[in-house]
């Protein structure tokens, strides 16, 4: 009898897939995001990390810095490099209209705009000459 390699499963746990696809940094963080209601499968919010996903399912993720909409193309077998993980999904996230920024982009300021940071202030202070009041 020949031993056949295990074929990839048709369905996979949602938390494992998010981890394998490199959309969330760790499996435990994926479980927390799912339980908090930040993930929707085919338009329905799910709070069970054991929910099964298959090829063709659409996932909506509300992440810390952005919202994503992805379509599952393949189940993952391992957490590999980005190039391998990118083959597991198709990004369907709609483009923002011109001039519209994400909440994360609104919260961060452009370098040199607004009040200087402590580091920027030190750099500017180094450029100024020292004046002694002892004269």
N, C-alpha and C. Protein backbone atom coordinates (compact mmCIF):
# COMPACT_ATOMS: atom_id res chain seq x y z
N UNK A 1 0.83 -1.19 0.00
CA UNK A 1 0.00 0.00 0.00
C UNK A 1 0.88 1.25 0.00
N UNK A 2 0.50 2.18 -0.83
CA UNK A 2 1.23 3.43 -0.88
C UNK A 2 0.62 4.42 0.09
N UNK A 3 1.48 5.13 0.73
CA UNK A 3 1.02 6.15 1.67
C UNK A 3 0.86 7.46 0.92
N UNK A 4 -0.34 8.03 0.96
CA UNK A 4 -0.62 9.26 0.25
C UNK A 4 -0.45 10.44 1.20
N UNK A 5 0.08 11.57 0.69
CA UNK A 5 0.19 12.74 1.56
C UNK A 5 -1.19 13.27 1.89
N UNK A 6 -1.35 13.81 3.08
CA UNK A 6 -2.67 14.32 3.46
C UNK A 6 -3.05 15.50 2.58
N UNK A 7 -4.24 15.45 2.04
CA UNK A 7 -4.71 16.56 1.20
C UNK A 7 -5.18 17.69 2.11
N UNK A 8 -5.17 18.89 1.58
CA UNK A 8 -5.61 20.03 2.39
C UNK A 8 -7.12 19.93 2.62
N UNK A 9 -7.57 20.24 3.80
CA UNK A 9 -9.00 20.12 4.11
C UNK A 9 -9.82 21.14 3.33
N UNK A 10 -11.06 20.77 3.06
CA UNK A 10 -11.94 21.66 2.32
C UNK A 10 -12.37 22.84 3.20
N UNK A 11 -12.45 22.60 4.49
CA UNK A 11 -12.83 23.65 5.44
C UNK A 11 -11.74 23.79 6.49
N UNK A 12 -11.68 24.98 7.09
CA UNK A 12 -10.66 25.23 8.10
C UNK A 12 -11.22 26.18 9.15
N UNK A 13 -10.69 26.04 10.37
CA UNK A 13 -11.11 26.94 11.45
C UNK A 13 -10.79 28.38 11.07
N UNK A 14 -11.67 29.28 11.41
CA UNK A 14 -11.52 30.69 11.07
C UNK A 14 -10.27 31.30 11.69
N UNK A 15 -10.01 31.02 12.97
CA UNK A 15 -8.83 31.61 13.61
C UNK A 15 -7.54 31.10 12.99
N UNK A 16 -7.49 29.83 12.63
CA UNK A 16 -6.30 29.28 11.98
C UNK A 16 -6.10 29.92 10.62
N UNK A 17 -7.17 30.09 9.86
CA UNK A 17 -7.04 30.66 8.53
C UNK A 17 -6.54 32.10 8.60
N UNK A 18 -7.08 32.90 9.52
CA UNK A 18 -6.63 34.28 9.66
C UNK A 18 -5.15 34.35 10.02
N UNK A 19 -4.70 33.40 10.85
CA UNK A 19 -3.29 33.33 11.24
C UNK A 19 -2.43 32.90 10.06
N UNK A 20 -2.84 31.86 9.34
CA UNK A 20 -2.08 31.38 8.19
C UNK A 20 -2.00 32.42 7.08
N UNK A 21 -3.07 33.20 6.89
CA UNK A 21 -3.12 34.21 5.84
C UNK A 21 -2.38 35.48 6.24
N UNK A 22 -1.84 35.52 7.44
CA UNK A 22 -1.08 36.67 7.95
C UNK A 22 -1.93 37.94 8.03
N UNK A 23 -3.23 37.80 8.24
CA UNK A 23 -4.08 38.96 8.42
C UNK A 23 -4.09 39.41 9.87
N UNK A 24 -3.84 38.46 10.78
CA UNK A 24 -3.73 38.75 12.21
C UNK A 24 -2.46 38.08 12.71
N UNK A 25 -1.76 38.75 13.61
CA UNK A 25 -0.41 38.37 14.00
C UNK A 25 -0.29 37.02 14.69
N UNK A 26 -1.24 36.65 15.53
CA UNK A 26 -1.17 35.36 16.22
C UNK A 26 -2.56 34.74 16.27
N UNK A 27 -2.57 33.46 16.54
CA UNK A 27 -3.86 32.76 16.58
C UNK A 27 -4.69 33.20 17.78
N UNK A 28 -4.04 33.48 18.90
CA UNK A 28 -4.79 33.94 20.07
C UNK A 28 -5.38 35.33 19.84
N UNK A 29 -4.66 36.20 19.12
CA UNK A 29 -5.22 37.51 18.77
C UNK A 29 -6.38 37.35 17.79
N UNK A 30 -6.28 36.37 16.90
CA UNK A 30 -7.38 36.09 15.97
C UNK A 30 -8.62 35.65 16.75
N UNK A 31 -8.42 34.79 17.74
CA UNK A 31 -9.55 34.33 18.56
C UNK A 31 -10.19 35.49 19.30
N UNK A 32 -9.38 36.40 19.85
CA UNK A 32 -9.92 37.55 20.56
C UNK A 32 -10.70 38.47 19.62
N UNK A 33 -10.18 38.70 18.42
CA UNK A 33 -10.86 39.56 17.45
C UNK A 33 -12.20 38.95 17.04
N UNK A 34 -12.23 37.64 16.87
CA UNK A 34 -13.47 36.96 16.48
C UNK A 34 -14.49 37.04 17.61
N UNK A 35 -14.04 36.75 18.84
CA UNK A 35 -14.96 36.80 19.99
C UNK A 35 -15.48 38.20 20.26
N UNK A 36 -14.69 39.22 19.90
CA UNK A 36 -15.12 40.60 20.09
C UNK A 36 -16.09 41.06 19.00
N UNK A 37 -16.30 40.22 17.98
CA UNK A 37 -17.25 40.55 16.93
C UNK A 37 -16.66 41.38 15.81
N UNK A 38 -15.35 41.35 15.62
CA UNK A 38 -14.69 42.14 14.58
C UNK A 38 -14.58 41.40 13.25
N UNK A 39 -15.14 40.19 13.17
CA UNK A 39 -15.04 39.39 11.95
C UNK A 39 -16.45 38.95 11.53
N UNK A 40 -16.72 39.10 10.23
CA UNK A 40 -17.99 38.64 9.68
C UNK A 40 -17.69 37.68 8.53
N UNK A 41 -18.40 36.56 8.50
CA UNK A 41 -18.24 35.57 7.44
C UNK A 41 -19.50 35.63 6.58
N UNK A 42 -19.32 35.93 5.29
CA UNK A 42 -20.45 36.06 4.35
C UNK A 42 -21.52 37.01 4.87
N UNK A 43 -21.09 38.11 5.46
CA UNK A 43 -22.01 39.15 5.92
C UNK A 43 -22.58 38.95 7.30
N UNK A 44 -22.37 37.80 7.93
CA UNK A 44 -22.91 37.53 9.26
C UNK A 44 -21.78 37.53 10.29
N UNK A 45 -21.93 38.36 11.32
CA UNK A 45 -20.92 38.41 12.39
C UNK A 45 -20.87 37.06 13.09
N UNK A 46 -19.65 36.64 13.40
CA UNK A 46 -19.49 35.39 14.12
C UNK A 46 -18.63 35.64 15.35
N UNK A 47 -18.92 34.95 16.43
CA UNK A 47 -18.15 35.10 17.65
C UNK A 47 -17.49 33.78 18.05
N UNK A 48 -17.53 32.79 17.17
CA UNK A 48 -16.90 31.51 17.45
C UNK A 48 -15.67 31.35 16.57
N UNK A 49 -14.52 31.21 17.21
CA UNK A 49 -13.28 31.05 16.45
C UNK A 49 -13.22 29.69 15.76
N UNK A 50 -14.08 28.77 16.19
CA UNK A 50 -14.10 27.44 15.58
C UNK A 50 -14.98 27.39 14.33
N UNK A 51 -15.56 28.54 13.94
CA UNK A 51 -16.38 28.57 12.73
C UNK A 51 -15.52 28.15 11.54
N UNK A 52 -16.12 27.40 10.63
CA UNK A 52 -15.39 26.86 9.48
C UNK A 52 -15.51 27.79 8.28
N UNK A 53 -14.39 28.01 7.59
CA UNK A 53 -14.40 28.78 6.35
C UNK A 53 -13.94 27.88 5.21
N UNK A 54 -14.43 28.18 4.03
CA UNK A 54 -14.06 27.39 2.85
C UNK A 54 -13.78 28.35 1.70
N UNK A 55 -13.25 27.84 0.64
CA UNK A 55 -12.96 28.65 -0.54
C UNK A 55 -14.26 29.28 -1.04
N UNK A 56 -14.20 30.57 -1.35
CA UNK A 56 -15.38 31.29 -1.82
C UNK A 56 -16.04 32.14 -0.75
N UNK A 57 -15.75 31.88 0.53
CA UNK A 57 -16.34 32.68 1.61
C UNK A 57 -15.75 34.08 1.58
N UNK A 58 -16.56 35.05 1.96
CA UNK A 58 -16.12 36.45 2.06
C UNK A 58 -16.01 36.82 3.53
N UNK A 59 -14.87 37.37 3.92
CA UNK A 59 -14.64 37.77 5.30
C UNK A 59 -14.52 39.28 5.37
N UNK A 60 -15.15 39.86 6.38
CA UNK A 60 -15.03 41.30 6.64
C UNK A 60 -14.36 41.43 8.00
N UNK A 61 -13.22 42.10 8.03
CA UNK A 61 -12.45 42.27 9.26
C UNK A 61 -12.36 43.74 9.63
N UNK A 62 -12.63 44.04 10.89
CA UNK A 62 -12.42 45.39 11.41
C UNK A 62 -11.17 45.35 12.26
N UNK A 63 -10.04 45.69 11.65
CA UNK A 63 -8.78 45.66 12.35
C UNK A 63 -8.49 47.01 12.98
N UNK A 64 -7.42 47.06 13.75
CA UNK A 64 -7.07 48.27 14.47
C UNK A 64 -6.84 49.46 13.55
N UNK A 65 -6.14 49.25 12.45
CA UNK A 65 -5.75 50.36 11.58
C UNK A 65 -6.57 50.46 10.31
N UNK A 66 -7.32 49.42 9.96
CA UNK A 66 -8.07 49.46 8.71
C UNK A 66 -9.16 48.39 8.73
N UNK A 67 -10.09 48.52 7.80
CA UNK A 67 -11.11 47.51 7.60
C UNK A 67 -10.78 46.77 6.31
N UNK A 68 -10.91 45.45 6.35
CA UNK A 68 -10.58 44.63 5.19
C UNK A 68 -11.77 43.80 4.76
N UNK A 69 -11.88 43.57 3.47
CA UNK A 69 -12.83 42.63 2.90
C UNK A 69 -12.01 41.70 2.02
N UNK A 70 -12.03 40.40 2.34
CA UNK A 70 -11.25 39.43 1.57
C UNK A 70 -12.11 38.23 1.21
N UNK A 71 -11.75 37.59 0.09
CA UNK A 71 -12.41 36.35 -0.31
C UNK A 71 -11.41 35.22 -0.12
N UNK A 72 -11.84 34.16 0.55
CA UNK A 72 -10.98 33.00 0.79
C UNK A 72 -10.81 32.25 -0.52
N UNK A 73 -9.56 32.02 -0.92
CA UNK A 73 -9.29 31.26 -2.14
C UNK A 73 -8.86 29.83 -1.82
N UNK A 74 -8.04 29.66 -0.79
CA UNK A 74 -7.52 28.35 -0.42
C UNK A 74 -7.45 28.23 1.09
N UNK A 75 -7.54 27.02 1.62
CA UNK A 75 -7.27 26.83 3.05
C UNK A 75 -5.75 26.84 3.25
N UNK A 76 -5.31 27.28 4.40
CA UNK A 76 -3.88 27.32 4.68
C UNK A 76 -3.38 26.00 5.24
N UNK A 77 -2.11 25.71 5.00
CA UNK A 77 -1.51 24.51 5.57
C UNK A 77 -0.48 24.87 6.63
N UNK A 78 0.08 26.09 6.52
CA UNK A 78 1.06 26.56 7.50
C UNK A 78 1.16 28.07 7.40
N UNK A 79 1.79 28.67 8.39
CA UNK A 79 2.03 30.11 8.35
C UNK A 79 3.38 30.32 7.68
N UNK A 80 3.34 30.54 6.40
CA UNK A 80 4.56 30.69 5.62
C UNK A 80 4.88 32.15 5.38
N UNK A 81 5.77 32.42 4.43
CA UNK A 81 6.12 33.80 4.10
C UNK A 81 4.95 34.54 3.48
N UNK A 82 5.08 35.85 3.40
CA UNK A 82 4.00 36.70 2.89
C UNK A 82 3.57 36.28 1.49
N UNK A 83 4.52 35.97 0.63
CA UNK A 83 4.19 35.59 -0.75
C UNK A 83 3.29 34.37 -0.79
N UNK A 84 3.54 33.42 0.11
CA UNK A 84 2.71 32.21 0.18
C UNK A 84 1.35 32.52 0.80
N UNK A 85 1.33 33.33 1.83
CA UNK A 85 0.08 33.68 2.50
C UNK A 85 -0.83 34.50 1.59
N UNK A 86 -0.26 35.31 0.73
CA UNK A 86 -1.04 36.17 -0.17
C UNK A 86 -1.85 35.36 -1.17
N UNK A 87 -1.46 34.12 -1.42
CA UNK A 87 -2.18 33.26 -2.35
C UNK A 87 -3.46 32.68 -1.73
N UNK A 88 -3.63 32.83 -0.43
CA UNK A 88 -4.79 32.25 0.26
C UNK A 88 -6.05 33.10 0.12
N UNK A 89 -5.90 34.38 -0.26
CA UNK A 89 -7.06 35.26 -0.31
C UNK A 89 -6.95 36.28 -1.44
N UNK A 90 -8.10 36.86 -1.76
CA UNK A 90 -8.18 37.95 -2.72
C UNK A 90 -8.71 39.17 -1.99
N UNK A 91 -8.01 40.27 -2.08
CA UNK A 91 -8.40 41.49 -1.37
C UNK A 91 -9.51 42.20 -2.13
N UNK A 92 -10.67 42.36 -1.49
CA UNK A 92 -11.82 43.02 -2.09
C UNK A 92 -12.13 44.35 -1.41
N UNK A 93 -11.20 44.86 -0.61
CA UNK A 93 -11.42 46.09 0.14
C UNK A 93 -11.66 47.25 -0.83
N UNK A 94 -12.78 47.96 -0.65
CA UNK A 94 -13.05 49.08 -1.56
C UNK A 94 -12.07 50.22 -1.32
N UNK A 95 -11.73 50.90 -2.41
CA UNK A 95 -10.84 52.05 -2.33
C UNK A 95 -11.57 53.22 -1.66
N UNK A 96 -10.84 54.00 -0.86
CA UNK A 96 -11.42 55.18 -0.26
C UNK A 96 -11.52 56.28 -1.31
N UNK A 97 -12.57 57.09 -1.25
CA UNK A 97 -12.67 58.20 -2.21
C UNK A 97 -11.50 59.17 -2.02
N UNK A 98 -11.10 59.87 -3.05
CA UNK A 98 -9.98 60.82 -2.92
C UNK A 98 -10.27 61.86 -1.85
N UNK A 99 -9.27 62.14 -1.04
CA UNK A 99 -9.43 63.13 0.03
C UNK A 99 -9.95 62.54 1.33
N UNK A 100 -10.42 61.33 1.31
CA UNK A 100 -10.94 60.67 2.52
C UNK A 100 -9.83 59.85 3.14
N UNK A 101 -9.67 59.95 4.45
CA UNK A 101 -8.62 59.22 5.14
C UNK A 101 -9.21 58.30 6.19
N UNK A 102 -8.48 57.24 6.51
CA UNK A 102 -8.91 56.31 7.55
C UNK A 102 -8.75 56.97 8.91
N UNK A 103 -9.43 56.49 9.95
CA UNK A 103 -9.26 57.07 11.29
C UNK A 103 -7.81 57.02 11.77
N UNK A 104 -7.08 55.97 11.39
CA UNK A 104 -5.67 55.88 11.79
C UNK A 104 -4.86 56.99 11.13
N UNK A 105 -5.10 57.23 9.85
CA UNK A 105 -4.38 58.28 9.14
C UNK A 105 -4.74 59.66 9.69
N UNK A 106 -5.98 59.83 10.16
CA UNK A 106 -6.39 61.09 10.74
C UNK A 106 -5.70 61.34 12.07
N UNK A 107 -5.46 60.27 12.82
CA UNK A 107 -4.85 60.41 14.14
C UNK A 107 -3.35 60.66 14.08
N UNK A 108 -2.70 60.24 13.00
CA UNK A 108 -1.26 60.46 12.88
C UNK A 108 -1.02 61.76 12.13
N UNK A 109 0.01 62.47 12.54
CA UNK A 109 0.30 63.75 11.88
C UNK A 109 1.46 63.58 10.92
N UNK A 110 1.52 64.44 9.95
CA UNK A 110 2.62 64.45 9.01
C UNK A 110 3.87 64.97 9.71
N UNK A 111 5.02 64.47 9.32
CA UNK A 111 6.28 64.90 9.92
C UNK A 111 6.47 66.40 9.68
N UNK A 112 6.73 67.11 10.76
CA UNK A 112 6.94 68.55 10.67
C UNK A 112 5.67 69.36 10.81
N UNK A 113 4.53 68.73 10.89
CA UNK A 113 3.26 69.45 11.03
C UNK A 113 2.84 69.45 12.50
N UNK A 114 2.33 70.57 12.98
CA UNK A 114 1.85 70.64 14.35
C UNK A 114 2.97 70.81 15.36
N UNK A 115 2.68 70.52 16.58
CA UNK A 115 3.64 70.69 17.67
C UNK A 115 4.79 69.69 17.52
N UNK A 116 6.03 70.13 17.72
CA UNK A 116 7.15 69.20 17.55
C UNK A 116 7.20 68.15 18.65
N UNK A 117 7.71 67.00 18.28
CA UNK A 117 7.90 65.95 19.28
C UNK A 117 9.15 66.27 20.08
N UNK A 118 9.38 65.52 21.15
CA UNK A 118 10.54 65.74 21.99
C UNK A 118 11.83 65.58 21.19
N UNK A 119 11.86 64.58 20.34
CA UNK A 119 13.05 64.34 19.52
C UNK A 119 13.29 65.49 18.54
N UNK A 120 12.21 65.94 17.88
CA UNK A 120 12.34 67.05 16.95
C UNK A 120 12.81 68.32 17.66
N UNK A 121 12.33 68.53 18.88
CA UNK A 121 12.72 69.71 19.65
C UNK A 121 14.22 69.66 19.98
N UNK A 122 14.73 68.50 20.35
CA UNK A 122 16.16 68.35 20.66
C UNK A 122 17.02 68.63 19.43
N UNK A 123 16.57 68.15 18.28
CA UNK A 123 17.31 68.40 17.04
C UNK A 123 17.37 69.89 16.75
N UNK A 124 16.26 70.60 16.94
CA UNK A 124 16.25 72.05 16.70
C UNK A 124 17.11 72.78 17.72
N UNK A 125 17.08 72.34 18.97
CA UNK A 125 17.89 72.98 20.00
C UNK A 125 19.38 72.83 19.71
N UNK A 126 19.78 71.73 19.10
CA UNK A 126 21.19 71.54 18.76
C UNK A 126 21.64 72.51 17.67
N UNK A 127 20.72 72.96 16.85
CA UNK A 127 21.07 73.89 15.78
C UNK A 127 21.26 75.32 16.28
N UNK A 128 20.64 75.66 17.41
CA UNK A 128 20.72 77.02 17.95
C UNK A 128 22.03 77.20 18.70
N UNK A 129 22.64 78.37 18.58
CA UNK A 129 23.87 78.61 19.34
C UNK A 129 23.55 78.82 20.83
N UNK A 130 24.51 78.48 21.68
CA UNK A 130 24.33 78.67 23.13
C UNK A 130 24.66 80.12 23.48
N UNK A 131 23.81 80.78 24.20
CA UNK A 131 24.05 82.14 24.68
C UNK A 131 24.15 82.08 26.19
N UNK A 132 25.22 82.62 26.70
CA UNK A 132 25.39 82.68 28.16
C UNK A 132 24.93 84.02 28.65
N UNK A 133 24.19 84.04 29.74
CA UNK A 133 23.70 85.27 30.33
C UNK A 133 24.70 85.83 31.33
N UNK A 134 25.87 85.21 31.49
CA UNK A 134 26.85 85.63 32.48
C UNK A 134 27.65 86.85 32.04
N UNK A 135 27.56 87.28 30.78
CA UNK A 135 28.37 88.39 30.28
C UNK A 135 28.05 89.67 30.94
